[in-house]
Protein backbone atom coordinates (compact mmCIF):
# COMPACT_ATOMS: atom_id res chain seq x y z
CA MET A 1 -0.31 -6.81 -5.03
CA ASP A 2 -1.83 -4.01 -7.13
CA MET A 3 -4.35 -2.36 -4.83
CA LYS A 4 -7.64 -1.09 -6.28
CA ILE A 5 -9.76 1.51 -4.51
CA TYR A 6 -13.40 2.17 -5.36
CA ILE A 7 -14.61 5.70 -4.49
CA VAL A 8 -18.33 6.44 -4.23
CA GLU A 9 -18.46 10.24 -3.96
CA ASP A 10 -20.79 12.71 -5.70
CA ASP A 11 -18.58 15.77 -5.17
CA ASN A 12 -16.64 15.74 -8.45
CA HIS A 13 -13.98 18.16 -7.20
CA LEU A 14 -13.25 15.97 -4.17
CA LEU A 15 -13.41 12.81 -6.29
CA ASP A 16 -10.85 14.20 -8.76
CA ALA A 17 -8.51 15.30 -5.95
CA LEU A 18 -8.71 11.94 -4.17
CA THR A 19 -8.22 10.03 -7.42
CA LYS A 20 -5.10 12.02 -8.25
CA SER A 21 -3.61 11.58 -4.76
CA LEU A 22 -4.26 7.85 -4.67
CA ARG A 23 -2.90 7.29 -8.17
CA ASN A 24 0.26 9.13 -7.15
CA TRP A 25 0.67 6.31 -4.63
CA SER A 26 0.21 3.71 -7.39
CA TYR A 27 -3.29 2.69 -6.35
CA GLY A 28 -5.81 1.82 -9.02
CA VAL A 29 -8.84 4.07 -8.58
CA SER A 30 -12.37 3.61 -9.92
CA SER A 31 -15.75 5.20 -9.31
CA PRO A 32 -19.27 4.10 -10.25
CA SER A 33 -20.57 4.82 -13.73
CA THR A 34 -23.89 5.88 -12.17
CA PHE A 35 -25.17 5.92 -8.61
CA GLU A 36 -27.68 3.20 -9.51
CA ASN A 37 -25.00 0.69 -10.55
CA ILE A 38 -22.77 0.77 -7.48
CA ILE A 39 -22.97 -2.94 -6.68
CA GLU A 40 -22.64 -3.98 -10.32
CA ASP A 41 -19.49 -1.87 -10.65
CA PHE A 42 -18.18 -3.16 -7.32
CA LEU A 43 -18.51 -6.77 -8.47
CA LEU A 44 -16.81 -5.96 -11.77
CA ILE A 45 -13.91 -3.97 -10.27
CA LYS A 46 -13.28 -6.22 -7.23
CA PRO A 47 -11.65 -3.41 -5.20
CA HIS A 48 -9.41 -3.92 -2.19
CA LEU A 49 -10.98 -0.95 -0.37
CA VAL A 50 -14.12 1.18 -0.74
CA ILE A 51 -14.45 4.87 0.14
CA LEU A 52 -18.10 5.81 0.68
CA ASP A 53 -19.70 9.20 1.10
CA ILE A 54 -22.81 9.17 3.27
CA GLN A 55 -24.86 11.71 1.36
CA LEU A 56 -25.38 10.31 -2.12
CA PRO A 57 -28.08 10.56 -4.78
CA LYS A 58 -31.01 8.15 -4.42
CA TYR A 59 -29.59 5.87 -1.68
CA ASP A 60 -27.19 6.98 1.06
CA GLY A 61 -23.83 5.45 1.94
CA PHE A 62 -25.33 3.42 4.78
CA HIS A 63 -27.51 1.59 2.27
CA TRP A 64 -24.57 0.79 0.01
CA CYS A 65 -22.44 -0.29 2.95
CA ARG A 66 -25.08 -2.84 3.93
CA GLU A 67 -25.32 -4.02 0.32
CA ILE A 68 -21.54 -4.47 0.07
CA ARG A 69 -21.34 -6.18 3.46
CA ALA A 70 -23.93 -8.69 2.31
CA ILE A 71 -21.48 -9.97 -0.32
CA SER A 72 -17.98 -8.92 0.79
CA ASN A 73 -15.69 -8.20 3.75
CA VAL A 74 -13.70 -5.59 1.78
CA PRO A 75 -12.56 -2.65 3.99
CA ILE A 76 -14.92 0.37 3.86
CA VAL A 77 -14.01 3.93 4.84
CA PHE A 78 -16.81 6.46 5.23
CA LEU A 79 -16.45 10.14 4.33
CA SER A 80 -18.99 12.60 5.66
CA SER A 81 -19.56 16.29 6.27
CA ARG A 82 -22.05 15.35 8.98
CA ASP A 83 -20.68 15.53 12.50
CA HIS A 84 -23.41 13.80 14.48
CA PRO A 85 -21.94 11.02 16.68
CA MET A 86 -24.79 8.71 15.68
CA ASP A 87 -23.54 8.74 12.08
CA MET A 88 -20.20 7.34 13.17
CA ILE A 89 -21.87 4.79 15.45
CA MET A 90 -24.19 3.74 12.62
CA ALA A 91 -21.27 3.42 10.19
CA MET A 92 -19.27 1.21 12.53
CA ASN A 93 -22.28 -0.90 13.47
CA ILE A 94 -23.04 -1.77 9.84
CA GLY A 95 -19.46 -2.75 9.07
CA ALA A 96 -17.32 0.31 8.30
CA ASP A 97 -13.59 0.11 9.08
CA ASP A 98 -13.11 3.86 9.57
CA TYR A 99 -15.00 7.15 9.48
CA VAL A 100 -13.38 10.37 8.27
CA GLN A 101 -15.13 13.70 8.68
CA LYS A 102 -14.98 16.38 5.98
CA PRO A 103 -13.06 18.58 5.54
CA PHE A 104 -10.05 16.35 6.07
CA ASN A 105 -6.31 16.36 5.49
CA THR A 106 -5.56 14.21 2.44
CA ASP A 107 -2.29 12.93 3.93
CA ILE A 108 -4.14 11.72 7.02
CA LEU A 109 -6.72 9.94 4.88
CA LEU A 110 -3.92 8.31 2.86
CA ALA A 111 -2.24 7.16 6.07
CA LYS A 112 -5.50 5.63 7.27
CA ILE A 113 -6.00 3.87 3.93
CA GLN A 114 -2.45 2.50 3.94
CA ALA A 115 -2.85 1.25 7.52
CA ILE A 116 -6.12 -0.52 6.70
CA LEU A 117 -4.66 -2.09 3.56
CA ARG A 118 -1.60 -3.28 5.49
CA ARG A 119 -3.73 -4.84 8.20
CA THR A 120 -6.04 -6.48 5.70
CA TYR A 121 -3.71 -7.67 2.96
CA ALA A 122 -0.10 -7.57 4.14
CA TYR A 123 -0.19 -11.10 5.56
CA GLU A 124 -1.10 -14.35 3.87
CA GLU A 125 -0.36 -17.45 5.92
CA GLY A 126 2.15 -15.44 7.90
CA ILE A 127 3.99 -14.05 4.86
CA LYS A 128 3.86 -10.38 3.96
CA ASP A 129 2.75 -9.59 0.44
CA VAL A 130 3.77 -5.94 0.71
CA ILE A 131 6.39 -4.25 2.89
CA GLU A 132 6.33 -0.49 3.36
CA TRP A 133 9.75 1.15 3.62
CA ASN A 134 10.58 4.85 3.30
CA GLU A 135 7.14 5.52 1.77
CA ALA A 136 7.86 2.89 -0.89
CA LEU A 137 6.04 -0.41 -1.26
CA ILE A 138 8.05 -3.60 -1.78
CA ASP A 139 5.86 -6.14 -3.56
CA MET A 140 6.96 -9.53 -2.26
CA LYS A 141 5.09 -11.49 -4.92
CA ARG A 142 6.17 -9.52 -7.99
CA GLY A 143 9.71 -8.60 -6.96
CA VAL A 144 9.26 -4.87 -7.56
CA ILE A 145 9.44 -1.69 -5.48
CA ARG A 146 7.29 1.35 -6.19
CA LYS A 147 6.96 4.87 -4.90
CA GLY A 148 5.24 8.02 -6.10
CA GLY A 149 3.86 6.44 -9.26
CA LYS A 150 7.22 4.90 -10.27
CA GLU A 151 7.88 1.16 -10.26
CA VAL A 152 11.28 -0.53 -10.45
CA ASP A 153 11.89 -4.21 -11.27
CA LEU A 154 14.55 -6.00 -9.23
CA THR A 155 16.54 -9.11 -10.08
CA LYS A 156 16.18 -12.05 -7.72
CA ASN A 157 19.47 -11.25 -5.97
CA GLU A 158 18.73 -7.52 -5.70
CA PHE A 159 15.28 -8.27 -4.32
CA PHE A 160 16.66 -10.78 -1.79
CA ILE A 161 19.31 -8.33 -0.58
CA LEU A 162 16.83 -5.47 -0.21
CA THR A 163 14.21 -7.49 1.66
CA ALA A 164 16.85 -9.05 3.93
CA LEU A 165 18.14 -5.61 4.91
CA VAL A 166 14.68 -4.13 5.39
CA LYS A 167 13.48 -7.09 7.46
CA ALA A 168 16.54 -6.72 9.70
CA ASN A 169 14.74 -3.68 11.16
CA ASN A 170 17.61 -1.16 11.44
CA GLU A 171 20.20 -3.79 12.33
CA ILE A 172 23.46 -4.25 10.41
CA ILE A 173 23.89 -7.37 8.28
CA SER A 174 27.49 -8.28 7.47
CA ARG A 175 28.64 -9.03 3.94
CA HIS A 176 29.47 -12.57 5.05
CA GLU A 177 25.97 -13.06 6.45
CA LEU A 178 24.34 -11.75 3.26
CA MET A 179 26.45 -14.10 1.14
CA ARG A 180 25.64 -17.01 3.45
CA MET A 181 21.91 -16.24 3.24
CA LEU A 182 22.05 -16.04 -0.55
CA TRP A 183 24.14 -19.20 -0.80
CA GLU A 184 21.60 -21.13 1.27
CA ASP A 185 18.92 -19.79 -1.07
CA ASP A 186 20.81 -21.42 -3.97
CA GLN A 187 22.01 -18.10 -5.37
CA PHE A 188 25.72 -19.02 -5.02
CA ILE A 189 26.97 -15.46 -4.63
CA ASN A 190 30.58 -14.45 -3.92
CA ASP A 191 32.09 -11.21 -2.63
CA ASN A 192 32.50 -9.56 -6.04
CA THR A 193 28.98 -10.56 -7.06
CA LEU A 194 27.59 -9.09 -3.85
CA THR A 195 29.37 -5.78 -4.54
CA ALA A 196 27.97 -5.67 -8.08
CA ASN A 197 24.45 -6.51 -6.93
CA MET A 198 24.58 -3.87 -4.20
CA ALA A 199 25.71 -1.23 -6.72
CA ARG A 200 22.87 -2.11 -9.10
CA LEU A 201 20.35 -2.12 -6.26
CA ARG A 202 21.40 1.36 -5.15
CA GLN A 203 21.23 2.60 -8.74
CA LYS A 204 17.66 1.34 -9.05
CA LEU A 205 16.67 2.80 -5.67
CA SER A 206 18.04 6.17 -6.82
CA ILE A 207 15.21 6.26 -9.39
CA LEU A 208 12.82 6.37 -6.41
CA GLY A 209 15.02 8.80 -4.48
CA ILE A 210 15.86 6.37 -1.67
CA SER A 211 19.31 5.01 -2.56
CA GLU A 212 20.80 6.69 0.53
CA ALA A 213 18.57 4.53 2.73
CA ILE A 214 21.00 1.63 2.16
CA VAL A 215 24.03 2.55 4.26
CA THR A 216 27.48 0.92 4.18
CA LYS A 217 28.97 0.48 7.65
CA LYS A 218 32.70 0.15 6.92
CA GLY A 219 34.07 -3.07 8.31
CA LEU A 220 30.63 -4.15 9.54
CA GLY A 221 28.22 -4.55 6.65
CA TYR A 222 25.03 -2.89 5.42
CA LEU A 223 22.05 -1.25 7.06
CA ALA A 224 18.61 -0.33 5.72
CA THR A 225 17.60 2.93 7.37
CA THR A 226 14.58 5.22 7.45
CA LEU A 227 15.21 8.54 5.74
């Protein structure tokens, strides 16, 4: 799933910095054309998450949070330089998912955003749409893996092998077990084909700098680790 984030912030320096950071993580980022057209832009963009400043021209972030909540359950994160506890209480009471006080560490904000997006969108009828692994995102619907603005397409076999290893949660999967899993999935893979697929998978992961996260355990099988 390609995640879109809508930032409503009147500090252009902060807006530019946040936009750059989020795009580095392959998020689509938009901001309102004017501060009078926030809802119109929201409906057009259909974002997966909204970042709202409290102090805005004309109407404050609380107003726009109420307006968004009237039409959508999209996650909302407030940013504010105000440190009064009532601001946080107000934000949560009107439907915010988190409240981050300025100045803030960008990495912490990104971690909060990723956590909210995982909780909100990672499951659909019990099936994950996106798996996070070594700071990369494995898109279960599109069969791609992306990290740091780079996206790599995987073949069906490569994708199956990677997701099987990652889902094993730091446990070794034997070559025989991988072949059996693929065979039952109608892939009809043999030992030589598995070796070739594993080599291609590692080559593609090297583009993202995470090829070493797939470890060969001699005589045992393969293991997906955390670098």
